[in-house]
Amino acid sequence: MYPNDGFRELGRQECLRLLAKVPVGRVVHTRKALPAVLPVNFCLDGDGAVLLCTSAASELARAIDGAVVAFEADEVDAVQHAGWSVVVIGSAAVVTDPSEYGRLIRTGPHSWVPSPDEIFVRIKPELVTGRELIGGRSTYGVGLLP
């Protein structure tokens, strides 16, 4: 998909493995018919679903419950000009099952801004794509010798 342009396409399992390594990603959703992006901490569930923890009263919870959203996370090494990016697209839903909520209280992500009315949002991974930069520019710059 990225023929000889310095990028390597990542398979689904590799994408999920990389996502599990980083604590922060971005939720992309629609706000008043415009794109909106919010950084969030997250974790992955056993089935590869992205789990978020937020306040039930948050704008994010209202905006994404029942909506199709994108979730992106990455890791960049600016010195080595290397890195990867993974995008998960899927339906987001507030977890309402009491036993599932109880399990997530113990094993799920915890909001960095605690709230007395925390909820969990699950993003079902319907499409998972990623790419890795494998042929970045030299760290010495163009035309310069090491």
Protein backbone atom coordinates (compact mmCIF):
# COMPACT_ATOMS: atom_id res chain seq x y z
CA MET A 1 0.00 0.00 0.00
CA TYR A 2 2.96 2.33 0.60
CA PRO A 3 5.23 1.31 -2.28
CA ASN A 4 8.85 2.19 -1.55
CA ASP A 5 8.08 5.55 0.08
CA GLY A 6 9.69 4.87 3.45
CA PHE A 7 6.53 3.58 5.12
CA ARG A 8 5.53 0.04 5.99
CA GLU A 9 1.91 -0.98 6.37
CA LEU A 10 1.16 -2.67 9.71
CA GLY A 11 -1.13 -5.65 10.15
CA ARG A 12 -4.00 -5.64 12.63
CA GLN A 13 -2.23 -7.67 15.33
CA GLU A 14 0.90 -5.54 15.09
CA CYS A 15 -1.24 -2.40 15.35
CA LEU A 16 -2.91 -3.68 18.52
CA ARG A 17 0.46 -4.68 19.99
CA LEU A 18 1.80 -1.15 19.40
CA LEU A 19 -1.34 0.49 20.81
CA ALA A 20 -0.88 -1.48 24.02
CA LYS A 21 2.53 0.19 24.50
CA VAL A 22 1.35 3.80 24.74
CA PRO A 23 -0.89 5.43 27.38
CA VAL A 24 -2.36 8.34 25.38
CA GLY A 25 -4.21 8.61 22.09
CA ARG A 26 -6.71 10.89 20.37
CA VAL A 27 -10.44 10.46 19.82
CA VAL A 28 -11.68 11.98 16.57
CA HIS A 29 -15.39 12.73 16.52
CA THR A 30 -17.88 15.29 15.24
CA ARG A 31 -18.79 18.39 17.22
CA LYS A 32 -21.46 20.65 15.72
CA ALA A 33 -20.85 19.08 12.29
CA LEU A 34 -17.11 19.82 12.48
CA PRO A 35 -14.21 17.47 13.23
CA ALA A 36 -12.98 17.49 16.81
CA VAL A 37 -9.95 15.78 18.34
CA LEU A 38 -9.40 15.16 22.05
CA PRO A 39 -6.38 13.54 23.70
CA VAL A 40 -7.33 10.77 26.14
CA ASN A 41 -5.65 8.11 28.19
CA PHE A 42 -6.84 4.61 27.32
CA CYS A 43 -6.18 0.90 27.45
CA LEU A 44 -7.06 -2.04 25.24
CA ASP A 45 -9.50 -4.73 26.26
CA GLY A 46 -8.90 -8.40 25.48
CA ASP A 47 -10.79 -8.22 22.19
CA GLY A 48 -8.77 -5.21 20.99
CA ALA A 49 -11.44 -2.68 21.90
CA VAL A 50 -10.21 0.75 22.96
CA LEU A 51 -11.43 1.65 26.46
CA LEU A 52 -11.73 5.20 27.79
CA CYS A 53 -12.77 6.40 31.23
CA THR A 54 -14.45 9.78 31.53
CA SER A 55 -17.11 11.67 33.44
CA ALA A 56 -20.72 10.83 32.57
CA ALA A 57 -21.30 14.59 32.31
CA SER A 58 -18.41 15.16 29.89
CA GLU A 59 -18.92 16.57 26.42
CA LEU A 60 -16.89 13.65 25.10
CA ALA A 61 -19.26 11.04 26.54
CA ARG A 62 -22.28 12.77 25.06
CA ALA A 63 -20.62 13.30 21.69
CA ILE A 64 -19.39 9.78 21.03
CA ASP A 65 -21.93 7.44 22.67
CA GLY A 66 -23.50 5.57 19.76
CA ALA A 67 -21.34 7.29 17.13
CA VAL A 68 -18.69 6.00 14.77
CA VAL A 69 -15.38 7.55 15.79
CA ALA A 70 -11.71 7.30 14.96
CA PHE A 71 -9.05 6.73 17.57
CA GLU A 72 -5.38 7.41 16.82
CA ALA A 73 -2.22 6.78 18.79
CA ASP A 74 1.40 6.99 17.79
CA GLU A 75 4.98 6.97 18.90
CA VAL A 76 7.54 9.29 17.32
CA ASP A 77 11.30 9.47 17.65
CA ALA A 78 12.18 12.94 16.38
CA VAL A 79 15.93 12.29 16.63
CA GLN A 80 15.87 9.10 14.56
CA HIS A 81 13.06 10.34 12.28
CA ALA A 82 11.15 7.16 12.96
CA GLY A 83 7.83 6.16 14.40
CA TRP A 84 4.45 4.62 13.87
CA SER A 85 0.79 5.60 13.83
CA VAL A 86 -2.29 3.41 14.33
CA VAL A 87 -5.91 4.34 13.62
CA VAL A 88 -8.92 2.43 14.95
CA ILE A 89 -12.32 3.20 13.47
CA GLY A 90 -15.44 1.85 15.10
CA SER A 91 -18.62 2.41 17.04
CA ALA A 92 -18.30 3.96 20.48
CA ALA A 93 -20.69 3.05 23.28
CA VAL A 94 -20.92 3.73 26.99
CA VAL A 95 -20.59 0.49 28.97
CA THR A 96 -23.93 -0.04 30.71
CA ASP A 97 -23.76 -3.69 31.80
CA PRO A 98 -23.21 -3.70 35.61
CA SER A 99 -20.91 -6.76 35.63
CA GLU A 100 -18.82 -5.36 32.78
CA TYR A 101 -18.62 -2.00 34.57
CA GLY A 102 -17.47 -3.79 37.74
CA ARG A 103 -14.76 -5.62 35.81
CA LEU A 104 -13.56 -2.38 34.21
CA ILE A 105 -13.39 -0.60 37.58
CA ARG A 106 -10.72 -3.18 38.49
CA THR A 107 -8.97 -3.67 35.13
CA GLY A 108 -9.86 -0.75 32.88
CA PRO A 109 -8.27 2.64 32.41
CA HIS A 110 -8.58 5.27 35.11
CA SER A 111 -9.25 8.88 34.23
CA TRP A 112 -6.40 11.27 34.90
CA VAL A 113 -9.06 13.67 36.18
CA PRO A 114 -11.16 11.56 38.57
CA SER A 115 -14.87 12.20 38.79
CA PRO A 116 -17.54 10.77 41.10
CA ASP A 117 -19.60 9.72 38.06
CA GLU A 118 -16.98 7.96 35.93
CA ILE A 119 -18.13 5.86 33.00
CA PHE A 120 -16.32 3.67 30.51
CA VAL A 121 -16.58 4.05 26.76
CA ARG A 122 -15.71 1.15 24.48
CA ILE A 123 -14.66 1.70 20.87
CA LYS A 124 -15.25 -1.51 18.93
CA PRO A 125 -12.35 -1.96 16.48
CA GLU A 126 -14.08 -2.41 13.13
CA LEU A 127 -11.16 -1.11 11.04
CA VAL A 128 -7.59 -1.08 12.34
CA THR A 129 -4.82 0.37 10.18
CA GLY A 130 -1.32 1.53 10.81
CA ARG A 131 1.96 2.45 9.29
CA GLU A 132 5.54 2.69 10.40
CA LEU A 133 8.15 5.11 9.10
CA ILE A 134 11.11 2.95 8.18
CA GLY A 135 13.15 5.20 5.93
CA GLY A 136 13.38 8.57 7.63
CA ARG A 137 15.85 11.27 6.66
CA SER A 138 19.36 11.25 8.02
CA THR A 139 19.67 12.97 11.39
CA TYR A 140 22.54 15.06 9.95
CA GLY A 141 20.38 16.96 7.46
CA VAL A 142 20.51 17.25 3.73
CA GLY A 143 23.92 18.08 2.28
CA LEU A 144 25.77 17.94 5.59
CA LEU A 145 28.46 15.47 6.49
CA PRO A 146 28.41 13.65 9.84
